[in-house]
Amino acid sequence: MNRHGIRAIYRFEMARTFRTILQSIASPVLSTSLYFIVFGSAIGSRMAAIEGVSYGAFIVPGLMLLSILTESVSNASFGIYLPRFSGTIYEVLSAPLSSLEIVIGYVGAAATKSVLLGLLISVTARLFVSYHILHPLWMIAFLLLTAVTFSLFGFVIGIWANGFEQLQLVPTMIVMPLTFLGGSFYSIRMLPPLWQKVALANPVVYLVSGFRWSFYGTSDVSVGTSLGMTLVFLGLCLVAVRWIFKTGYRLKA
């Protein structure tokens, strides 16, 4: 394992984050704070509790995941797309680094940023609403697993994209709508029976449900199902990354 090479990629990606800290950290935290002010404090105070949890506290896990998913995909996709765009990807590919080491460097940095952002949002949320974490170890596990999974997904998008428009297409047009419709602001049990079944086709439902369970012990689907679906998506992303490096898809052309 070439630890020096992994560390070089990791440190470069992390340094880029701190050079653009307003965009990478401050902007998502500010946006999420506005959600807490509007939905948690203003509207939430007028709404009934959901499954024994106040509405302001109920949306905390969903808002955390909303930021984590979008930032994981954006950070990882931009991190690998920029070397492709500038041509420096050939230096990385010609370095004594295996495909696994390259992925660890880029995906590890993107996942680290997302985890730090998620923890920062959890601290910020306490300024607006009162909440508790019933299973803190499971919360950290779901947080790490989600960040790594969607960072891998973003890595695949960064290889696939042919321009900055395509780079923003999936996070804006797919990931964010699925997160909003995945129970971030409500329980899918509040939907009519038909729409409950339709909602189960949304993979983000399982992420939000498992993550919310780690906070309050309540979920729309079983924790085992949530964990299993997340691992399935992780496996699919790993297969896609392996195929990319095996075929050289949009890396060597």
C-alpha atoms as a PDB file:
ATOM      1  CA  MET A   1       0.000   0.000   0.000  1.00  0.00           C
ATOM      2  CA  ASN A   2       1.490   3.306  -1.138  1.00  0.00           C
ATOM      3  CA  ARG A   3       0.583   5.411   1.879  1.00  0.00           C
ATOM      4  CA  HIS A   4       2.602   8.394   0.681  1.00  0.00           C
ATOM      5  CA  GLY A   5       0.645   8.542  -2.571  1.00  0.00           C
ATOM      6  CA  ILE A   6      -2.700   8.206  -0.804  1.00  0.00           C
ATOM      7  CA  ARG A   7      -1.693  10.908   1.678  1.00  0.00           C
ATOM      8  CA  ALA A   8      -0.646  13.242  -1.160  1.00  0.00           C
ATOM      9  CA  ILE A   9      -4.029  12.973  -2.913  1.00  0.00           C
ATOM     10  CA  TYR A  10      -5.906  13.201   0.371  1.00  0.00           C
ATOM     11  CA  ARG A  11      -4.035  16.274   1.590  1.00  0.00           C
ATOM     12  CA  PHE A  12      -4.386  18.028  -1.767  1.00  0.00           C
ATOM     13  CA  GLU A  13      -8.167  17.485  -1.785  1.00  0.00           C
ATOM     14  CA  MET A  14      -8.531  18.587   1.835  1.00  0.00           C
ATOM     15  CA  ALA A  15      -6.407  21.673   1.186  1.00  0.00           C
ATOM     16  CA  ARG A  16      -8.725  22.591  -1.698  1.00  0.00           C
ATOM     17  CA  THR A  17     -11.641  22.459   0.721  1.00  0.00           C
ATOM     18  CA  PHE A  18     -10.060  24.895   3.133  1.00  0.00           C
ATOM     19  CA  ARG A  19      -9.133  27.222   0.280  1.00  0.00           C
ATOM     20  CA  THR A  20     -12.825  27.375  -0.632  1.00  0.00           C
ATOM     21  CA  ILE A  21     -14.200  27.107   2.901  1.00  0.00           C
ATOM     22  CA  LEU A  22     -17.049  29.569   2.259  1.00  0.00           C
ATOM     23  CA  GLN A  23     -18.398  27.404  -0.551  1.00  0.00           C
ATOM     24  CA  SER A  24     -17.498  24.013   0.931  1.00  0.00           C
ATOM     25  CA  ILE A  25     -18.496  24.492   4.568  1.00  0.00           C
ATOM     26  CA  ALA A  26     -20.086  27.861   5.331  1.00  0.00           C
ATOM     27  CA  SER A  27     -22.643  27.806   2.508  1.00  0.00           C
ATOM     28  CA  PRO A  28     -24.170  24.369   3.315  1.00  0.00           C
ATOM     29  CA  VAL A  29     -24.280  25.178   7.040  1.00  0.00           C
ATOM     30  CA  LEU A  30     -25.974  28.530   6.353  1.00  0.00           C
ATOM     31  CA  SER A  31     -28.511  26.924   4.007  1.00  0.00           C
ATOM     32  CA  THR A  32     -29.326  24.213   6.545  1.00  0.00           C
ATOM     33  CA  SER A  33     -29.649  26.817   9.306  1.00  0.00           C
ATOM     34  CA  LEU A  34     -32.297  28.575   7.227  1.00  0.00           C
ATOM     35  CA  TYR A  35     -34.213  25.298   7.003  1.00  0.00           C
ATOM     36  CA  PHE A  36     -34.074  24.991  10.791  1.00  0.00           C
ATOM     37  CA  ILE A  37     -35.275  28.556  11.243  1.00  0.00           C
ATOM     38  CA  VAL A  38     -38.179  28.226   8.798  1.00  0.00           C
ATOM     39  CA  PHE A  39     -39.261  24.598   9.220  1.00  0.00           C
ATOM     40  CA  GLY A  40     -37.948  23.881  12.695  1.00  0.00           C
ATOM     41  CA  SER A  41     -38.673  27.045  14.660  1.00  0.00           C
ATOM     42  CA  ALA A  42     -41.333  28.974  12.719  1.00  0.00           C
ATOM     43  CA  ILE A  43     -43.463  26.238  11.147  1.00  0.00           C
ATOM     44  CA  GLY A  44     -42.414  23.364  13.403  1.00  0.00           C
ATOM     45  CA  SER A  45     -43.681  25.083  16.544  1.00  0.00           C
ATOM     46  CA  ARG A  46     -47.203  25.050  15.048  1.00  0.00           C
ATOM     47  CA  MET A  47     -47.155  21.402  13.980  1.00  0.00           C
ATOM     48  CA  ALA A  48     -48.019  18.306  15.985  1.00  0.00           C
ATOM     49  CA  ALA A  49     -45.333  15.872  17.067  1.00  0.00           C
ATOM     50  CA  ILE A  50     -44.540  13.007  14.702  1.00  0.00           C
ATOM     51  CA  GLU A  51     -44.295   9.624  16.444  1.00  0.00           C
ATOM     52  CA  GLY A  52     -43.641  11.382  19.734  1.00  0.00           C
ATOM     53  CA  VAL A  53     -40.896  13.618  18.329  1.00  0.00           C
ATOM     54  CA  SER A  54     -41.333  17.363  17.834  1.00  0.00           C
ATOM     55  CA  TYR A  55     -41.301  18.377  14.189  1.00  0.00           C
ATOM     56  CA  GLY A  56     -38.205  20.556  14.613  1.00  0.00           C
ATOM     57  CA  ALA A  57     -36.257  17.610  16.027  1.00  0.00           C
ATOM     58  CA  PHE A  58     -37.797  15.160  13.555  1.00  0.00           C
ATOM     59  CA  ILE A  59     -36.271  16.911  10.534  1.00  0.00           C
ATOM     60  CA  VAL A  60     -32.730  17.092  11.981  1.00  0.00           C
ATOM     61  CA  PRO A  61     -31.584  13.686  10.582  1.00  0.00           C
ATOM     62  CA  GLY A  62     -33.192  14.422   7.220  1.00  0.00           C
ATOM     63  CA  LEU A  63     -31.537  17.816   6.891  1.00  0.00           C
ATOM     64  CA  MET A  64     -28.187  16.348   7.875  1.00  0.00           C
ATOM     65  CA  LEU A  65     -28.518  13.681   5.191  1.00  0.00           C
ATOM     66  CA  LEU A  66     -29.651  16.247   2.627  1.00  0.00           C
ATOM     67  CA  SER A  67     -26.355  18.098   3.055  1.00  0.00           C
ATOM     68  CA  ILE A  68     -24.250  14.950   3.347  1.00  0.00           C
ATOM     69  CA  LEU A  69     -25.623  13.357   0.179  1.00  0.00           C
ATOM     70  CA  THR A  70     -25.332  16.445  -1.994  1.00  0.00           C
ATOM     71  CA  GLU A  71     -21.897  17.426  -0.698  1.00  0.00           C
ATOM     72  CA  SER A  72     -20.515  13.876  -0.946  1.00  0.00           C
ATOM     73  CA  VAL A  73     -21.546  13.632  -4.584  1.00  0.00           C
ATOM     74  CA  SER A  74     -20.392  17.161  -5.451  1.00  0.00           C
ATOM     75  CA  ASN A  75     -17.022  16.954  -3.679  1.00  0.00           C
ATOM     76  CA  ALA A  76     -16.088  13.547  -5.064  1.00  0.00           C
ATOM     77  CA  SER A  77     -17.263  14.274  -8.613  1.00  0.00           C
ATOM     78  CA  PHE A  78     -15.466  17.620  -8.805  1.00  0.00           C
ATOM     79  CA  GLY A  79     -12.355  16.149  -7.165  1.00  0.00           C
ATOM     80  CA  ILE A  80     -11.806  13.606  -9.939  1.00  0.00           C
ATOM     81  CA  TYR A  81     -13.263  15.693 -12.778  1.00  0.00           C
ATOM     82  CA  LEU A  82     -10.855  18.589 -12.262  1.00  0.00           C
ATOM     83  CA  PRO A  83      -7.731  16.460 -13.000  1.00  0.00           C
ATOM     84  CA  ARG A  84      -9.512  15.080 -16.078  1.00  0.00           C
ATOM     85  CA  PHE A  85     -10.398  18.588 -17.236  1.00  0.00           C
ATOM     86  CA  SER A  86      -6.883  19.955 -16.681  1.00  0.00           C
ATOM     87  CA  GLY A  87      -5.079  16.848 -17.954  1.00  0.00           C
ATOM     88  CA  THR A  88      -3.242  16.158 -14.685  1.00  0.00           C
ATOM     89  CA  ILE A  89      -5.097  12.861 -14.368  1.00  0.00           C
ATOM     90  CA  TYR A  90      -2.369  11.296 -16.530  1.00  0.00           C
ATOM     91  CA  GLU A  91       0.207  12.153 -13.872  1.00  0.00           C
ATOM     92  CA  VAL A  92      -1.917  10.386 -11.282  1.00  0.00           C
ATOM     93  CA  LEU A  93      -2.421   7.335 -13.517  1.00  0.00           C
ATOM     94  CA  SER A  94       1.302   7.131 -14.320  1.00  0.00           C
ATOM     95  CA  ALA A  95       2.299   7.384 -10.652  1.00  0.00           C
ATOM     96  CA  PRO A  96       3.094   4.166  -8.738  1.00  0.00           C
ATOM     97  CA  LEU A  97      -0.476   4.009  -7.421  1.00  0.00           C
ATOM     98  CA  SER A  98      -3.018   1.241  -7.793  1.00  0.00           C
ATOM     99  CA  SER A  99      -6.631   1.992  -8.657  1.00  0.00           C
ATOM    100  CA  LEU A 100      -7.578   1.177  -5.064  1.00  0.00           C
ATOM    101  CA  GLU A 101      -5.102   3.711  -3.705  1.00  0.00           C
ATOM    102  CA  ILE A 102      -6.348   6.409  -6.069  1.00  0.00           C
ATOM    103  CA  VAL A 103      -9.943   5.764  -5.020  1.00  0.00           C
ATOM    104  CA  ILE A 104      -9.025   5.782  -1.330  1.00  0.00           C
ATOM    105  CA  GLY A 105      -7.328   9.161  -1.720  1.00  0.00           C
ATOM    106  CA  TYR A 106     -10.140  10.916  -3.590  1.00  0.00           C
ATOM    107  CA  VAL A 107     -13.121   9.199  -1.975  1.00  0.00           C
ATOM    108  CA  GLY A 108     -11.559   9.343   1.492  1.00  0.00           C
ATOM    109  CA  ALA A 109     -11.137  13.111   1.235  1.00  0.00           C
ATOM    110  CA  ALA A 110     -14.696  13.639  -0.060  1.00  0.00           C
ATOM    111  CA  ALA A 111     -16.137  11.425   2.683  1.00  0.00           C
ATOM    112  CA  THR A 112     -14.117  13.247   5.344  1.00  0.00           C
ATOM    113  CA  LYS A 113     -15.505  16.597   4.197  1.00  0.00           C
ATOM    114  CA  SER A 114     -19.057  15.249   4.311  1.00  0.00           C
ATOM    115  CA  VAL A 115     -18.646  13.754   7.792  1.00  0.00           C
ATOM    116  CA  LEU A 116     -17.184  17.007   9.123  1.00  0.00           C
ATOM    117  CA  LEU A 117     -20.053  18.916   7.536  1.00  0.00           C
ATOM    118  CA  GLY A 118     -22.610  16.543   9.027  1.00  0.00           C
ATOM    119  CA  LEU A 119     -21.141  16.871  12.514  1.00  0.00           C
ATOM    120  CA  LEU A 120     -21.007  20.646  12.160  1.00  0.00           C
ATOM    121  CA  ILE A 121     -24.671  20.734  11.124  1.00  0.00           C
ATOM    122  CA  SER A 122     -25.594  18.546  14.103  1.00  0.00           C
ATOM    123  CA  VAL A 123     -23.960  21.097  16.404  1.00  0.00           C
ATOM    124  CA  THR A 124     -25.601  24.011  14.578  1.00  0.00           C
ATOM    125  CA  ALA A 125     -29.021  22.344  14.870  1.00  0.00           C
ATOM    126  CA  ARG A 126     -28.867  22.582  18.660  1.00  0.00           C
ATOM    127  CA  LEU A 127     -28.964  26.371  18.340  1.00  0.00           C
ATOM    128  CA  PHE A 128     -32.485  26.095  16.914  1.00  0.00           C
ATOM    129  CA  VAL A 129     -34.069  22.850  18.172  1.00  0.00           C
ATOM    130  CA  SER A 130     -33.623  20.444  21.054  1.00  0.00           C
ATOM    131  CA  TYR A 131     -32.958  16.822  20.087  1.00  0.00           C
ATOM    132  CA  HIS A 132     -31.203  13.722  21.368  1.00  0.00           C
ATOM    133  CA  ILE A 133     -29.314  10.795  19.828  1.00  0.00           C
ATOM    134  CA  LEU A 134     -30.549   7.459  21.142  1.00  0.00           C
ATOM    135  CA  HIS A 135     -27.911   5.305  19.401  1.00  0.00           C
ATOM    136  CA  PRO A 136     -24.788   7.484  18.890  1.00  0.00           C
ATOM    137  CA  LEU A 137     -22.589   4.636  17.630  1.00  0.00           C
ATOM    138  CA  TRP A 138     -25.164   3.656  15.026  1.00  0.00           C
ATOM    139  CA  MET A 139     -25.503   7.305  14.064  1.00  0.00           C
ATOM    140  CA  ILE A 140     -21.767   7.529  13.387  1.00  0.00           C
ATOM    141  CA  ALA A 141     -21.877   4.216  11.496  1.00  0.00           C
ATOM    142  CA  PHE A 142     -24.733   5.356   9.240  1.00  0.00           C
ATOM    143  CA  LEU A 143     -23.013   8.723   8.776  1.00  0.00           C
ATOM    144  CA  LEU A 144     -19.731   7.143   7.670  1.00  0.00           C
ATOM    145  CA  LEU A 145     -21.395   4.530   5.483  1.00  0.00           C
ATOM    146  CA  THR A 146     -23.571   7.102   3.730  1.00  0.00           C
ATOM    147  CA  ALA A 147     -20.669   9.507   3.190  1.00  0.00           C
ATOM    148  CA  VAL A 148     -18.424   6.801   1.712  1.00  0.00           C
ATOM    149  CA  THR A 149     -21.190   5.343  -0.466  1.00  0.00           C
ATOM    150  CA  PHE A 150     -22.223   8.634  -2.030  1.00  0.00           C
ATOM    151  CA  SER A 151     -18.625   9.785  -2.372  1.00  0.00           C
ATOM    152  CA  LEU A 152     -18.054   6.666  -4.473  1.00  0.00           C
ATOM    153  CA  PHE A 153     -21.183   7.535  -6.432  1.00  0.00           C
ATOM    154  CA  GLY A 154     -19.830  11.042  -6.969  1.00  0.00           C
ATOM    155  CA  PHE A 155     -16.495   9.594  -8.106  1.00  0.00           C
ATOM    156  CA  VAL A 156     -18.340   7.621 -10.790  1.00  0.00           C
ATOM    157  CA  ILE A 157     -20.216  10.755 -11.876  1.00  0.00           C
ATOM    158  CA  GLY A 158     -16.950  12.695 -12.072  1.00  0.00           C
ATOM    159  CA  ILE A 159     -15.575  10.081 -14.479  1.00  0.00           C
ATOM    160  CA  TRP A 160     -18.789   9.975 -16.515  1.00  0.00           C
ATOM    161  CA  ALA A 161     -19.297  13.740 -16.870  1.00  0.00           C
ATOM    162  CA  ASN A 162     -18.085  15.441 -20.036  1.00  0.00           C
ATOM    163  CA  GLY A 163     -18.635  18.981 -18.785  1.00  0.00           C
ATOM    164  CA  PHE A 164     -19.546  21.069 -15.786  1.00  0.00           C
ATOM    165  CA  GLU A 165     -23.227  20.941 -16.750  1.00  0.00           C
ATOM    166  CA  GLN A 166     -23.267  17.147 -16.566  1.00  0.00           C
ATOM    167  CA  LEU A 167     -21.281  17.358 -13.352  1.00  0.00           C
ATOM    168  CA  GLN A 168     -24.133  19.280 -11.690  1.00  0.00           C
ATOM    169  CA  LEU A 169     -26.928  17.366 -13.407  1.00  0.00           C
ATOM    170  CA  VAL A 170     -27.135  14.344 -11.104  1.00  0.00           C
ATOM    171  CA  PRO A 171     -26.805  16.178  -7.742  1.00  0.00           C
ATOM    172  CA  THR A 172     -29.315  18.858  -8.773  1.00  0.00           C
ATOM    173  CA  MET A 173     -31.834  16.891 -10.809  1.00  0.00           C
ATOM    174  CA  ILE A 174     -31.690  13.463  -9.123  1.00  0.00           C
ATOM    175  CA  VAL A 175     -30.047  13.359  -5.682  1.00  0.00           C
ATOM    176  CA  MET A 176     -31.692  16.461  -4.210  1.00  0.00           C
ATOM    177  CA  PRO A 177     -35.254  15.685  -5.419  1.00  0.00           C
ATOM    178  CA  LEU A 178     -34.963  12.087  -4.186  1.00  0.00           C
ATOM    179  CA  THR A 179     -33.790  13.373  -0.797  1.00  0.00           C
ATOM    180  CA  PHE A 180     -36.702  15.793  -0.501  1.00  0.00           C
ATOM    181  CA  LEU A 181     -39.114  13.001  -1.476  1.00  0.00           C
ATOM    182  CA  GLY A 182     -37.353  10.444   0.724  1.00  0.00           C
ATOM    183  CA  GLY A 183     -38.910  11.451   4.028  1.00  0.00           C
ATOM    184  CA  SER A 184     -36.468  14.172   5.048  1.00  0.00           C
ATOM    185  CA  PHE A 185     -39.318  16.460   6.135  1.00  0.00           C
ATOM    186  CA  TYR A 186     -42.019  13.889   6.860  1.00  0.00           C
ATOM    187  CA  SER A 187     -42.679  10.253   7.626  1.00  0.00           C
ATOM    188  CA  ILE A 188     -43.815   8.233   4.627  1.00  0.00           C
ATOM    189  CA  ARG A 189     -46.451   6.722   6.932  1.00  0.00           C
ATOM    190  CA  MET A 190     -48.250  10.047   6.610  1.00  0.00           C
ATOM    191  CA  LEU A 191     -48.804   9.331   2.894  1.00  0.00           C
ATOM    192  CA  PRO A 192     -51.775   7.437   1.422  1.00  0.00           C
ATOM    193  CA  PRO A 193     -51.176   3.656   1.126  1.00  0.00           C
ATOM    194  CA  LEU A 194     -50.510   3.800  -2.614  1.00  0.00           C
ATOM    195  CA  TRP A 195     -47.913   6.545  -2.293  1.00  0.00           C
ATOM    196  CA  GLN A 196     -46.265   4.710   0.611  1.00  0.00           C
ATOM    197  CA  LYS A 197     -45.572   1.824  -1.768  1.00  0.00           C
ATOM    198  CA  VAL A 198     -44.322   4.227  -4.434  1.00  0.00           C
ATOM    199  CA  ALA A 199     -42.030   5.918  -1.893  1.00  0.00           C
ATOM    200  CA  LEU A 200     -40.366   2.586  -1.103  1.00  0.00           C
ATOM    201  CA  ALA A 201     -38.908   2.650  -4.631  1.00  0.00           C
ATOM    202  CA  ASN A 202     -36.868   5.706  -3.570  1.00  0.00           C
ATOM    203  CA  PRO A 203     -33.492   4.478  -2.218  1.00  0.00           C
ATOM    204  CA  VAL A 204     -33.056   7.602  -0.087  1.00  0.00           C
ATOM    205  CA  VAL A 205     -36.046   6.525   2.026  1.00  0.00           C
ATOM    206  CA  TYR A 206     -33.948   3.712   3.481  1.00  0.00           C
ATOM    207  CA  LEU A 207     -31.033   6.030   4.249  1.00  0.00           C
ATOM    208  CA  VAL A 208     -33.197   8.616   5.992  1.00  0.00           C
ATOM    209  CA  SER A 209     -35.165   5.953   7.858  1.00  0.00           C
ATOM    210  CA  GLY A 210     -32.076   4.210   9.224  1.00  0.00           C
ATOM    211  CA  PHE A 211     -30.394   7.472  10.133  1.00  0.00           C
ATOM    212  CA  ARG A 212     -33.520   8.757  11.915  1.00  0.00           C
ATOM    213  CA  TRP A 213     -33.770   5.484  13.841  1.00  0.00           C
ATOM    214  CA  SER A 214     -30.292   6.081  15.271  1.00  0.00           C
ATOM    215  CA  PHE A 215     -31.598   9.378  16.687  1.00  0.00           C
ATOM    216  CA  TYR A 216     -35.046   8.511  18.017  1.00  0.00           C
ATOM    217  CA  GLY A 217     -35.533   4.756  17.681  1.00  0.00           C
ATOM    218  CA  THR A 218     -38.324   5.243  15.126  1.00  0.00           C
ATOM    219  CA  SER A 219     -38.209   4.457  11.417  1.00  0.00           C
ATOM    220  CA  ASP A 220     -40.420   3.937   8.367  1.00  0.00           C
ATOM    221  CA  VAL A 221     -38.694   0.669   7.427  1.00  0.00           C
ATOM    222  CA  SER A 222     -36.695  -1.799   9.495  1.00  0.00           C
ATOM    223  CA  VAL A 223     -33.121  -0.906  10.374  1.00  0.00           C
ATOM    224  CA  GLY A 224     -31.870  -4.133   8.822  1.00  0.00           C
ATOM    225  CA  THR A 225     -33.525  -3.233   5.528  1.00  0.00           C
ATOM    226  CA  SER A 226     -32.044   0.284   5.657  1.00  0.00           C
ATOM    227  CA  LEU A 227     -28.575  -1.071   6.293  1.00  0.00           C
ATOM    228  CA  GLY A 228     -28.940  -3.756   3.635  1.00  0.00           C
ATOM    229  CA  MET A 229     -30.080  -1.325   0.945  1.00  0.00           C
ATOM    230  CA  THR A 230     -27.184   1.009   1.741  1.00  0.00           C
ATOM    231  CA  LEU A 231     -24.693  -1.855   1.459  1.00  0.00           C
ATOM    232  CA  VAL A 232     -26.236  -2.927  -1.859  1.00  0.00           C
ATOM    233  CA  PHE A 233     -25.787   0.574  -3.274  1.00  0.00           C
ATOM    234  CA  LEU A 234     -22.212   0.652  -1.915  1.00  0.00           C
ATOM    235  CA  GLY A 235     -21.515  -2.641  -3.677  1.00  0.00           C
ATOM    236  CA  LEU A 236     -22.914  -1.332  -6.970  1.00  0.00           C
ATOM    237  CA  CYS A 237     -20.686   1.748  -6.745  1.00  0.00           C
ATOM    238  CA  LEU A 238     -17.623  -0.431  -6.075  1.00  0.00           C
ATOM    239  CA  VAL A 239     -18.439  -2.586  -9.097  1.00  0.00           C
ATOM    240  CA  ALA A 240     -18.783   0.530 -11.260  1.00  0.00           C
ATOM    241  CA  VAL A 241     -15.449   1.956 -10.054  1.00  0.00           C
ATOM    242  CA  ARG A 242     -13.710  -1.374 -10.654  1.00  0.00           C
ATOM    243  CA  TRP A 243     -15.097  -1.502 -14.200  1.00  0.00           C
ATOM    244  CA  ILE A 244     -13.960   2.074 -14.883  1.00  0.00           C
ATOM    245  CA  PHE A 245     -10.345   1.335 -13.972  1.00  0.00           C
ATOM    246  CA  LYS A 246     -10.390  -2.048 -15.676  1.00  0.00           C
ATOM    247  CA  THR A 247     -11.582  -0.612 -18.999  1.00  0.00           C
ATOM    248  CA  GLY A 248     -10.047   2.869 -18.676  1.00  0.00           C
ATOM    249  CA  TYR A 249     -13.452   4.404 -19.366  1.00  0.00           C
ATOM    250  CA  ARG A 250     -12.935   8.161 -19.930  1.00  0.00           C
ATOM    251  CA  LEU A 251      -9.644   8.008 -18.039  1.00  0.00           C
ATOM    252  CA  LYS A 252      -7.206   7.055 -20.767  1.00  0.00           C
ATOM    253  CA  ALA A 253      -8.970   8.706 -23.700  1.00  0.00           C
END
